[in-house]
Amino acid sequence: MVVQHAARSAQMPAPSNDFENCIEGIMSDAHHEESAIKTPKQLILAILAGFLVPIICIVLLVLYVTNEKTMGAGSDGLTQEAVAQRIKPVADVGFTLKDANAPKVLKTGEEVYKMACAACHATGAAGAPKFGDAGAWGARIAQGYSTIVKHAVEGIRGMPAKGGNPDLDEVEVARAVVLMTNSAGGKFSEPVVKAAAPAAEAAK
């Protein structure tokens, strides 16, 4: 029996070395792949670079976006016009300063028409008689100058008072009425503007 067991053991093949070969291969690959950071100094530099590079990029981007053309000596920035533009009061931008005590300059009938009347009377919107339409203006002209001007100043039906511009003077409204009615066959004369009283009489 012992002889048969020994004989069988001698006939069995030796254990495979595949597992050992796999482990050796992995360890060999690990030795070949070395890290770029080998010293603590290199590690510190890598960390600092990771923080500083994004910060520098952000600062440069902000400077690029907010950069304005600077004026230096010898450039057009020192001309009288450029200096006056820079020191001009901010309150003047977009506004026209007017003397409240100065006499009002009345607009012409054409100016008032373009400003307040044309939106409806040029197209016939909201039933407004169109400019130059004798048929549409005929019945209104027959009512007389005073009635038409009264309706224009106070408003009537779909038309607001003074064409929707309360700052217009009644004389300005009347001028626009004369312009429109005469374009359709009317024979009205523009209103007479009374001359302003002399300053000496106004002070009394």
C-alpha atoms as a PDB file:
ATOM      1  CA  MET A   1       0.000   0.000   0.000  1.00  0.00           C
ATOM      2  CA  VAL A   2       2.773   2.418   0.915  1.00  0.00           C
ATOM      3  CA  VAL A   3       4.582   1.626  -2.262  1.00  0.00           C
ATOM      4  CA  GLN A   4       1.425   2.306  -4.334  1.00  0.00           C
ATOM      5  CA  HIS A   5       0.838   5.724  -2.611  1.00  0.00           C
ATOM      6  CA  ALA A   6       4.412   6.784  -3.224  1.00  0.00           C
ATOM      7  CA  ALA A   7       4.111   5.728  -6.801  1.00  0.00           C
ATOM      8  CA  ARG A   8       0.926   7.770  -7.292  1.00  0.00           C
ATOM      9  CA  SER A   9       2.546  10.852  -5.661  1.00  0.00           C
ATOM     10  CA  ALA A  10       5.450  10.600  -8.022  1.00  0.00           C
ATOM     11  CA  GLN A  11       3.052  10.430 -10.981  1.00  0.00           C
ATOM     12  CA  MET A  12       1.057  13.624  -9.953  1.00  0.00           C
ATOM     13  CA  PRO A  13       2.178  16.873 -11.744  1.00  0.00           C
ATOM     14  CA  ALA A  14       3.846  19.698  -9.720  1.00  0.00           C
ATOM     15  CA  PRO A  15       1.538  22.649  -8.623  1.00  0.00           C
ATOM     16  CA  SER A  16       1.159  25.451 -11.211  1.00  0.00           C
ATOM     17  CA  ASN A  17       3.194  28.640 -10.684  1.00  0.00           C
ATOM     18  CA  ASP A  18       0.703  30.918 -12.576  1.00  0.00           C
ATOM     19  CA  PHE A  19      -0.394  32.790  -9.421  1.00  0.00           C
ATOM     20  CA  GLU A  20       3.174  33.552  -8.413  1.00  0.00           C
ATOM     21  CA  ASN A  21       3.993  34.794 -11.898  1.00  0.00           C
ATOM     22  CA  CYS A  22       0.951  37.174 -11.821  1.00  0.00           C
ATOM     23  CA  ILE A  23       1.996  38.689  -8.493  1.00  0.00           C
ATOM     24  CA  GLU A  24       5.529  39.213  -9.699  1.00  0.00           C
ATOM     25  CA  GLY A  25       4.271  40.933 -12.839  1.00  0.00           C
ATOM     26  CA  ILE A  26       2.091  43.378 -10.845  1.00  0.00           C
ATOM     27  CA  MET A  27       4.955  44.245  -8.516  1.00  0.00           C
ATOM     28  CA  SER A  28       7.273  44.736 -11.447  1.00  0.00           C
ATOM     29  CA  ASP A  29       4.789  47.209 -13.085  1.00  0.00           C
ATOM     30  CA  ALA A  30       4.456  49.107  -9.817  1.00  0.00           C
ATOM     31  CA  HIS A  31       8.194  49.620  -9.686  1.00  0.00           C
ATOM     32  CA  HIS A  32       8.272  50.980 -13.240  1.00  0.00           C
ATOM     33  CA  GLU A  33       5.474  53.595 -12.640  1.00  0.00           C
ATOM     34  CA  GLU A  34       7.221  56.169 -10.508  1.00  0.00           C
ATOM     35  CA  SER A  35       5.474  59.385  -9.199  1.00  0.00           C
ATOM     36  CA  ALA A  36       6.593  62.795 -10.493  1.00  0.00           C
ATOM     37  CA  ILE A  37       6.585  64.105  -6.906  1.00  0.00           C
ATOM     38  CA  LYS A  38       9.562  62.537  -5.152  1.00  0.00           C
ATOM     39  CA  THR A  39      10.333  65.001  -2.353  1.00  0.00           C
ATOM     40  CA  PRO A  40       8.274  67.001   0.195  1.00  0.00           C
ATOM     41  CA  LYS A  41       9.476  70.209  -1.462  1.00  0.00           C
ATOM     42  CA  GLN A  42       7.986  69.154  -4.780  1.00  0.00           C
ATOM     43  CA  LEU A  43       4.710  68.316  -3.021  1.00  0.00           C
ATOM     44  CA  ILE A  44       4.523  71.782  -1.435  1.00  0.00           C
ATOM     45  CA  LEU A  45       5.234  73.450  -4.780  1.00  0.00           C
ATOM     46  CA  ALA A  46       2.519  71.404  -6.473  1.00  0.00           C
ATOM     47  CA  ILE A  47      -0.048  72.418  -3.832  1.00  0.00           C
ATOM     48  CA  LEU A  48       0.894  76.109  -4.093  1.00  0.00           C
ATOM     49  CA  ALA A  49       0.643  75.977  -7.875  1.00  0.00           C
ATOM     50  CA  GLY A  50      -2.819  74.441  -7.597  1.00  0.00           C
ATOM     51  CA  PHE A  51      -3.965  77.456  -5.558  1.00  0.00           C
ATOM     52  CA  LEU A  52      -2.037  80.264  -7.258  1.00  0.00           C
ATOM     53  CA  VAL A  53      -2.650  79.442 -10.925  1.00  0.00           C
ATOM     54  CA  PRO A  54      -6.489  79.780 -10.758  1.00  0.00           C
ATOM     55  CA  ILE A  55      -6.189  82.994  -8.705  1.00  0.00           C
ATOM     56  CA  ILE A  56      -3.791  84.555 -11.205  1.00  0.00           C
ATOM     57  CA  CYS A  57      -6.082  83.581 -14.094  1.00  0.00           C
ATOM     58  CA  ILE A  58      -9.090  85.191 -12.378  1.00  0.00           C
ATOM     59  CA  VAL A  59      -7.181  88.417 -11.648  1.00  0.00           C
ATOM     60  CA  LEU A  60      -5.986  88.687 -15.247  1.00  0.00           C
ATOM     61  CA  LEU A  61      -9.492  88.079 -16.544  1.00  0.00           C
ATOM     62  CA  VAL A  62     -10.927  90.809 -14.305  1.00  0.00           C
ATOM     63  CA  LEU A  63      -8.242  93.261 -15.414  1.00  0.00           C
ATOM     64  CA  TYR A  64      -8.971  92.453 -19.049  1.00  0.00           C
ATOM     65  CA  VAL A  65     -12.717  92.981 -18.668  1.00  0.00           C
ATOM     66  CA  THR A  66     -12.494  96.210 -16.659  1.00  0.00           C
ATOM     67  CA  ASN A  67      -9.575  97.704 -18.558  1.00  0.00           C
ATOM     68  CA  GLU A  68     -10.334 101.159 -19.957  1.00  0.00           C
ATOM     69  CA  LYS A  69      -8.351 103.187 -22.414  1.00  0.00           C
ATOM     70  CA  THR A  70      -6.157 105.560 -20.432  1.00  0.00           C
ATOM     71  CA  MET A  71      -5.287 109.047 -21.488  1.00  0.00           C
ATOM     72  CA  GLY A  72      -1.643 110.029 -21.408  1.00  0.00           C
ATOM     73  CA  ALA A  73       0.355 113.135 -22.124  1.00  0.00           C
ATOM     74  CA  GLY A  74       0.365 113.973 -25.823  1.00  0.00           C
ATOM     75  CA  SER A  75      -2.886 112.139 -26.515  1.00  0.00           C
ATOM     76  CA  ASP A  76      -6.290 113.512 -27.495  1.00  0.00           C
ATOM     77  CA  GLY A  77      -7.412 113.122 -23.876  1.00  0.00           C
ATOM     78  CA  LEU A  78      -5.955 116.520 -22.964  1.00  0.00           C
ATOM     79  CA  THR A  79      -7.784 118.572 -25.593  1.00  0.00           C
ATOM     80  CA  GLN A  80     -10.269 121.187 -24.389  1.00  0.00           C
ATOM     81  CA  GLU A  81     -13.227 119.204 -25.717  1.00  0.00           C
ATOM     82  CA  ALA A  82     -12.143 115.976 -23.989  1.00  0.00           C
ATOM     83  CA  VAL A  83     -11.506 117.746 -20.677  1.00  0.00           C
ATOM     84  CA  ALA A  84     -14.862 119.528 -20.848  1.00  0.00           C
ATOM     85  CA  GLN A  85     -16.597 116.215 -21.541  1.00  0.00           C
ATOM     86  CA  ARG A  86     -14.989 114.571 -18.503  1.00  0.00           C
ATOM     87  CA  ILE A  87     -15.778 117.368 -16.036  1.00  0.00           C
ATOM     88  CA  LYS A  88     -19.312 117.958 -17.314  1.00  0.00           C
ATOM     89  CA  PRO A  89     -21.862 117.631 -14.482  1.00  0.00           C
ATOM     90  CA  VAL A  90     -23.614 114.277 -14.463  1.00  0.00           C
ATOM     91  CA  ALA A  91     -26.990 115.994 -14.008  1.00  0.00           C
ATOM     92  CA  ASP A  92     -26.689 117.549 -17.479  1.00  0.00           C
ATOM     93  CA  VAL A  93     -26.615 114.178 -19.232  1.00  0.00           C
ATOM     94  CA  GLY A  94     -29.895 113.542 -21.027  1.00  0.00           C
ATOM     95  CA  PHE A  95     -31.532 116.742 -19.838  1.00  0.00           C
ATOM     96  CA  THR A  96     -32.069 120.152 -21.362  1.00  0.00           C
ATOM     97  CA  LEU A  97     -31.840 122.822 -18.715  1.00  0.00           C
ATOM     98  CA  LYS A  98     -34.391 125.588 -19.161  1.00  0.00           C
ATOM     99  CA  ASP A  99     -34.902 128.895 -17.462  1.00  0.00           C
ATOM    100  CA  ALA A 100     -38.241 128.653 -15.692  1.00  0.00           C
ATOM    101  CA  ASN A 101     -38.634 132.454 -15.820  1.00  0.00           C
ATOM    102  CA  ALA A 102     -37.934 132.720 -19.544  1.00  0.00           C
ATOM    103  CA  PRO A 103     -40.946 133.356 -21.803  1.00  0.00           C
ATOM    104  CA  LYS A 104     -42.299 130.209 -23.454  1.00  0.00           C
ATOM    105  CA  VAL A 105     -41.523 129.793 -27.131  1.00  0.00           C
ATOM    106  CA  LEU A 106     -44.738 128.589 -28.758  1.00  0.00           C
ATOM    107  CA  LYS A 107     -44.515 125.750 -31.237  1.00  0.00           C
ATOM    108  CA  THR A 108     -45.815 125.979 -34.769  1.00  0.00           C
ATOM    109  CA  GLY A 109     -48.903 124.115 -35.909  1.00  0.00           C
ATOM    110  CA  GLU A 110     -46.758 121.644 -37.821  1.00  0.00           C
ATOM    111  CA  GLU A 111     -44.585 120.930 -34.774  1.00  0.00           C
ATOM    112  CA  VAL A 112     -47.640 120.300 -32.600  1.00  0.00           C
ATOM    113  CA  TYR A 113     -49.224 118.125 -35.284  1.00  0.00           C
ATOM    114  CA  LYS A 114     -46.158 115.909 -35.534  1.00  0.00           C
ATOM    115  CA  MET A 115     -45.798 115.753 -31.748  1.00  0.00           C
ATOM    116  CA  ALA A 116     -49.373 115.132 -30.580  1.00  0.00           C
ATOM    117  CA  CYS A 117     -51.773 114.784 -33.507  1.00  0.00           C
ATOM    118  CA  ALA A 118     -50.174 112.692 -36.245  1.00  0.00           C
ATOM    119  CA  ALA A 119     -50.438 109.415 -34.318  1.00  0.00           C
ATOM    120  CA  CYS A 120     -54.208 109.405 -34.948  1.00  0.00           C
ATOM    121  CA  HIS A 121     -54.917 112.020 -37.627  1.00  0.00           C
ATOM    122  CA  ALA A 122     -52.294 110.691 -40.040  1.00  0.00           C
ATOM    123  CA  THR A 123     -53.806 107.195 -39.998  1.00  0.00           C
ATOM    124  CA  GLY A 124     -57.437 107.766 -39.033  1.00  0.00           C
ATOM    125  CA  ALA A 125     -57.030 105.747 -35.843  1.00  0.00           C
ATOM    126  CA  ALA A 126     -59.925 105.768 -33.323  1.00  0.00           C
ATOM    127  CA  GLY A 127     -62.165 107.471 -35.891  1.00  0.00           C
ATOM    128  CA  ALA A 128     -60.013 110.608 -36.139  1.00  0.00           C
ATOM    129  CA  PRO A 129     -60.448 112.566 -39.397  1.00  0.00           C
ATOM    130  CA  LYS A 130     -57.335 112.032 -41.512  1.00  0.00           C
ATOM    131  CA  PHE A 131     -55.103 114.914 -42.485  1.00  0.00           C
ATOM    132  CA  GLY A 132     -56.228 116.363 -45.834  1.00  0.00           C
ATOM    133  CA  ASP A 133     -59.483 114.329 -45.967  1.00  0.00           C
ATOM    134  CA  ALA A 134     -62.064 116.960 -46.986  1.00  0.00           C
ATOM    135  CA  GLY A 135     -64.945 114.546 -46.583  1.00  0.00           C
ATOM    136  CA  ALA A 136     -64.048 113.695 -43.005  1.00  0.00           C
ATOM    137  CA  TRP A 137     -63.358 117.304 -42.016  1.00  0.00           C
ATOM    138  CA  GLY A 138     -66.289 118.947 -43.840  1.00  0.00           C
ATOM    139  CA  ALA A 139     -68.890 118.584 -41.054  1.00  0.00           C
ATOM    140  CA  ARG A 140     -66.373 119.652 -38.420  1.00  0.00           C
ATOM    141  CA  ILE A 141     -65.308 122.722 -40.367  1.00  0.00           C
ATOM    142  CA  ALA A 142     -68.970 123.676 -40.645  1.00  0.00           C
ATOM    143  CA  GLN A 143     -69.174 123.815 -36.830  1.00  0.00           C
ATOM    144  CA  GLY A 144     -66.819 126.774 -36.869  1.00  0.00           C
ATOM    145  CA  TYR A 145     -63.326 127.563 -35.671  1.00  0.00           C
ATOM    146  CA  SER A 146     -64.215 128.139 -31.993  1.00  0.00           C
ATOM    147  CA  THR A 147     -66.039 124.810 -31.625  1.00  0.00           C
ATOM    148  CA  ILE A 148     -63.245 122.772 -33.217  1.00  0.00           C
ATOM    149  CA  VAL A 149     -60.590 124.439 -31.055  1.00  0.00           C
ATOM    150  CA  LYS A 150     -62.746 123.915 -27.933  1.00  0.00           C
ATOM    151  CA  HIS A 151     -63.054 120.203 -28.695  1.00  0.00           C
ATOM    152  CA  ALA A 152     -59.300 119.947 -29.334  1.00  0.00           C
ATOM    153  CA  VAL A 153     -58.415 121.719 -26.071  1.00  0.00           C
ATOM    154  CA  GLU A 154     -60.945 119.926 -23.848  1.00  0.00           C
ATOM    155  CA  GLY A 155     -61.047 116.598 -25.678  1.00  0.00           C
ATOM    156  CA  ILE A 156     -63.979 114.840 -27.283  1.00  0.00           C
ATOM    157  CA  ARG A 157     -64.927 111.158 -27.632  1.00  0.00           C
ATOM    158  CA  GLY A 158     -61.715 109.173 -28.243  1.00  0.00           C
ATOM    159  CA  MET A 159     -59.485 112.264 -28.432  1.00  0.00           C
ATOM    160  CA  PRO A 160     -57.855 113.318 -25.132  1.00  0.00           C
ATOM    161  CA  ALA A 161     -57.527 116.953 -24.140  1.00  0.00           C
ATOM    162  CA  LYS A 162     -54.778 118.740 -26.086  1.00  0.00           C
ATOM    163  CA  GLY A 163     -54.031 115.525 -27.947  1.00  0.00           C
ATOM    164  CA  GLY A 164     -52.775 113.942 -24.731  1.00  0.00           C
ATOM    165  CA  ASN A 165     -50.100 116.575 -24.101  1.00  0.00           C
ATOM    166  CA  PRO A 166     -51.172 118.817 -21.194  1.00  0.00           C
ATOM    167  CA  ASP A 167     -48.039 120.969 -21.555  1.00  0.00           C
ATOM    168  CA  LEU A 168     -49.296 122.454 -24.820  1.00  0.00           C
ATOM    169  CA  ASP A 169     -50.570 125.991 -24.765  1.00  0.00           C
ATOM    170  CA  GLU A 170     -54.068 126.601 -26.147  1.00  0.00           C
ATOM    171  CA  VAL A 171     -52.539 128.759 -28.864  1.00  0.00           C
ATOM    172  CA  GLU A 172     -50.341 125.840 -29.922  1.00  0.00           C
ATOM    173  CA  VAL A 173     -53.370 123.532 -30.059  1.00  0.00           C
ATOM    174  CA  ALA A 174     -55.265 126.114 -32.121  1.00  0.00           C
ATOM    175  CA  ARG A 175     -52.386 126.343 -34.569  1.00  0.00           C
ATOM    176  CA  ALA A 176     -52.485 122.579 -35.088  1.00  0.00           C
ATOM    177  CA  VAL A 177     -56.266 122.739 -35.609  1.00  0.00           C
ATOM    178  CA  VAL A 178     -55.844 125.434 -38.262  1.00  0.00           C
ATOM    179  CA  LEU A 179     -53.186 123.377 -40.016  1.00  0.00           C
ATOM    180  CA  MET A 180     -55.396 120.273 -40.181  1.00  0.00           C
ATOM    181  CA  THR A 181     -58.649 121.992 -41.113  1.00  0.00           C
ATOM    182  CA  ASN A 182     -57.042 124.139 -43.808  1.00  0.00           C
ATOM    183  CA  SER A 183     -55.446 121.009 -45.315  1.00  0.00           C
ATOM    184  CA  ALA A 184     -59.009 119.751 -45.867  1.00  0.00           C
ATOM    185  CA  GLY A 185     -60.480 122.931 -47.340  1.00  0.00           C
ATOM    186  CA  GLY A 186     -60.858 125.168 -44.284  1.00  0.00           C
ATOM    187  CA  LYS A 187     -60.110 128.869 -44.465  1.00  0.00           C
ATOM    188  CA  PHE A 188     -59.224 129.598 -40.840  1.00  0.00           C
ATOM    189  CA  SER A 189     -56.520 132.006 -39.790  1.00  0.00           C
ATOM    190  CA  GLU A 190     -53.929 131.209 -37.152  1.00  0.00           C
ATOM    191  CA  PRO A 191     -54.681 132.632 -33.702  1.00  0.00           C
ATOM    192  CA  VAL A 192     -53.166 135.985 -32.881  1.00  0.00           C
ATOM    193  CA  VAL A 193     -50.667 135.849 -30.034  1.00  0.00           C
ATOM    194  CA  LYS A 194     -50.818 138.854 -27.756  1.00  0.00           C
ATOM    195  CA  ALA A 195     -47.510 140.611 -27.313  1.00  0.00           C
ATOM    196  CA  ALA A 196     -45.951 140.228 -23.888  1.00  0.00           C
ATOM    197  CA  ALA A 197     -46.255 143.260 -21.679  1.00  0.00           C
ATOM    198  CA  PRO A 198     -43.047 145.293 -21.277  1.00  0.00           C
ATOM    199  CA  ALA A 199     -40.978 144.396 -18.249  1.00  0.00           C
ATOM    200  CA  ALA A 200     -41.582 147.825 -16.689  1.00  0.00           C
ATOM    201  CA  GLU A 201     -45.357 147.436 -16.846  1.00  0.00           C
ATOM    202  CA  ALA A 202     -45.220 143.845 -15.603  1.00  0.00           C
ATOM    203  CA  ALA A 203     -43.268 144.933 -12.551  1.00  0.00           C
ATOM    204  CA  LYS A 204     -46.012 147.387 -11.476  1.00  0.00           C
END
